[in-house]
């Protein structure tokens, strides 16, 4: 998969994981696990990038004697999720176009206008 596309999808998955309530790193990894595998070494740079871009905020809270960072989505982050959902409709339309008739015999994939045509300029 294209690196830039994958990077964008990871960002969106992280935002989706925190869209209903603030969360912390380990829980985010656990929440997205049914959909994709993400390591801590991948997650934390994403969280920093999203924070730097204004898509989330971070708050440190004491938990069992240690500080735990909780990440919360911002209005900008919510807008990114909305934009993604709208753009994904276009991506799926392109996907449908590219993958149409993959199981049809090769001669059925030829557009009707091209069937039986010859090069009359020879």
Protein backbone atom coordinates (compact mmCIF):
# COMPACT_ATOMS: atom_id res chain seq x y z
CA UNK A 1 0.00 0.00 0.00
CA UNK A 2 1.17 3.50 -0.77
CA UNK A 3 2.98 4.97 2.25
CA UNK A 4 1.12 8.31 2.15
CA UNK A 5 -2.25 6.58 1.85
CA UNK A 6 -1.46 4.26 4.75
CA UNK A 7 -0.24 7.19 6.85
CA UNK A 8 -3.49 9.03 6.25
CA UNK A 9 -5.56 5.98 7.10
CA UNK A 10 -3.65 5.46 10.35
CA UNK A 11 -4.29 9.08 11.33
CA UNK A 12 -8.01 8.65 10.66
CA UNK A 13 -8.14 5.38 12.63
CA UNK A 14 -6.52 7.04 15.63
CA UNK A 15 -8.96 9.95 15.47
CA UNK A 16 -11.86 7.50 15.20
CA UNK A 17 -10.60 5.66 18.29
CA UNK A 18 -10.88 8.83 20.38
CA UNK A 19 -13.95 10.41 18.79
CA UNK A 20 -16.36 9.45 21.59
CA UNK A 21 -14.11 9.88 24.62
CA UNK A 22 -10.53 10.74 25.56
CA UNK A 23 -8.21 7.75 25.56
CA UNK A 24 -4.58 6.78 26.17
CA UNK A 25 -2.01 5.00 24.03
CA UNK A 26 -2.42 1.38 25.11
CA UNK A 27 -6.23 1.61 24.91
CA UNK A 28 -6.06 3.17 21.44
CA UNK A 29 -3.88 0.28 20.26
CA UNK A 30 -6.36 -2.20 21.78
CA UNK A 31 -9.38 -0.41 20.27
CA UNK A 32 -8.04 -0.39 16.71
CA UNK A 33 -6.62 -3.93 16.90
CA UNK A 34 -9.72 -5.58 15.31
CA UNK A 35 -9.16 -3.38 12.25
CA UNK A 36 -5.40 -2.98 11.98
CA UNK A 37 -2.22 -3.75 13.84
CA UNK A 38 -0.37 -0.74 15.16
CA UNK A 39 2.65 -0.73 17.45
CA UNK A 40 3.56 1.80 20.11
CA UNK A 41 6.50 2.92 17.99
CA UNK A 42 4.03 3.77 15.21
CA UNK A 43 1.26 5.19 17.39
CA UNK A 44 3.13 7.79 19.39
CA UNK A 45 4.56 9.68 16.39
CA UNK A 46 1.01 9.72 14.94
CA UNK A 47 -0.34 11.15 18.19
CA UNK A 48 2.37 13.83 18.23
CA UNK A 49 1.70 14.71 14.58
CA UNK A 50 -2.06 14.96 15.22
CA UNK A 51 -1.43 17.10 18.29
CA UNK A 52 0.95 19.39 16.38
CA UNK A 53 -1.65 19.70 13.63
CA UNK A 54 -4.40 20.66 16.07
CA UNK A 55 -6.50 17.51 15.61
CA UNK A 56 -6.20 16.43 19.22
CA UNK A 57 -5.19 17.71 22.61
CA UNK A 58 -3.25 15.96 25.36
CA UNK A 59 -3.77 16.04 29.09
CA UNK A 60 -1.63 14.25 31.65
CA UNK A 61 -3.56 12.61 34.49
CA UNK A 62 -2.16 10.67 37.43
CA UNK A 63 -3.11 6.98 37.30
CA UNK A 64 -1.76 4.48 39.85
CA UNK A 65 1.00 6.86 40.86
CA UNK A 66 2.12 7.52 37.28
CA UNK A 67 1.21 10.15 34.75
CA UNK A 68 -0.89 8.90 31.86
CA UNK A 69 -1.47 11.01 28.74
CA UNK A 70 -5.07 11.19 27.60
CA UNK A 71 -5.75 12.25 24.04
CA UNK A 72 -8.96 14.07 23.10
CA UNK A 73 -10.22 14.93 19.63
CA UNK A 74 -10.68 18.60 18.74
CA UNK A 75 -13.24 20.18 16.39
CA UNK A 76 -10.55 20.14 13.68
CA UNK A 77 -10.06 16.40 14.25
CA UNK A 78 -13.83 15.83 14.01
CA UNK A 79 -13.87 17.75 10.75
CA UNK A 80 -11.11 15.48 9.43
CA UNK A 81 -13.31 12.46 10.18
CA UNK A 82 -16.25 14.07 8.37
CA UNK A 83 -14.06 15.00 5.39
CA UNK A 84 -12.65 11.47 5.27
CA UNK A 85 -16.14 9.93 5.18
CA UNK A 86 -17.12 12.19 2.29
CA UNK A 87 -13.88 11.62 0.37
CA UNK A 88 -14.09 7.87 0.91
CA UNK A 89 -17.28 7.75 -1.16
CA UNK A 90 -15.25 9.03 -4.10
CA UNK A 91 -12.44 6.57 -3.39
CA UNK A 92 -14.94 3.69 -3.34
CA UNK A 93 -16.39 4.86 -6.64
CA UNK A 94 -12.91 4.76 -8.16
CA UNK A 95 -12.29 1.34 -6.58
CA UNK A 96 -15.54 0.02 -8.08
CA UNK A 97 -14.49 1.33 -11.49
CA UNK A 98 -11.00 -0.18 -11.31
CA UNK A 99 -12.16 -3.59 -10.08
CA UNK A 100 -15.31 -3.94 -12.17
CA UNK A 101 -15.58 -7.07 -14.29
CA UNK A 102 -12.40 -8.62 -12.86
CA UNK A 103 -14.03 -12.05 -12.86
CA UNK A 104 -15.44 -11.75 -16.38
CA UNK A 105 -13.62 -13.43 -19.29
CA UNK A 106 -11.08 -11.14 -20.93
CA UNK A 107 -13.17 -10.59 -24.08
CA UNK A 108 -16.07 -9.31 -21.96
CA UNK A 109 -13.91 -6.52 -20.53
CA UNK A 110 -13.56 -4.86 -23.94
CA UNK A 111 -15.84 -1.81 -24.27
CA UNK A 112 -18.64 -2.27 -26.81
CA UNK A 113 -17.27 0.50 -29.06
CA UNK A 114 -13.95 -1.34 -29.34
CA UNK A 115 -15.46 -4.73 -30.23
CA UNK A 116 -15.03 -5.57 -33.89
CA UNK A 117 -13.25 -2.33 -34.65
CA UNK A 118 -10.36 -2.40 -37.05
CA UNK A 119 -7.67 0.08 -37.87
CA UNK A 120 -8.88 1.43 -41.19
CA UNK A 121 -5.92 3.77 -41.62
CA UNK A 122 -3.48 1.03 -42.64
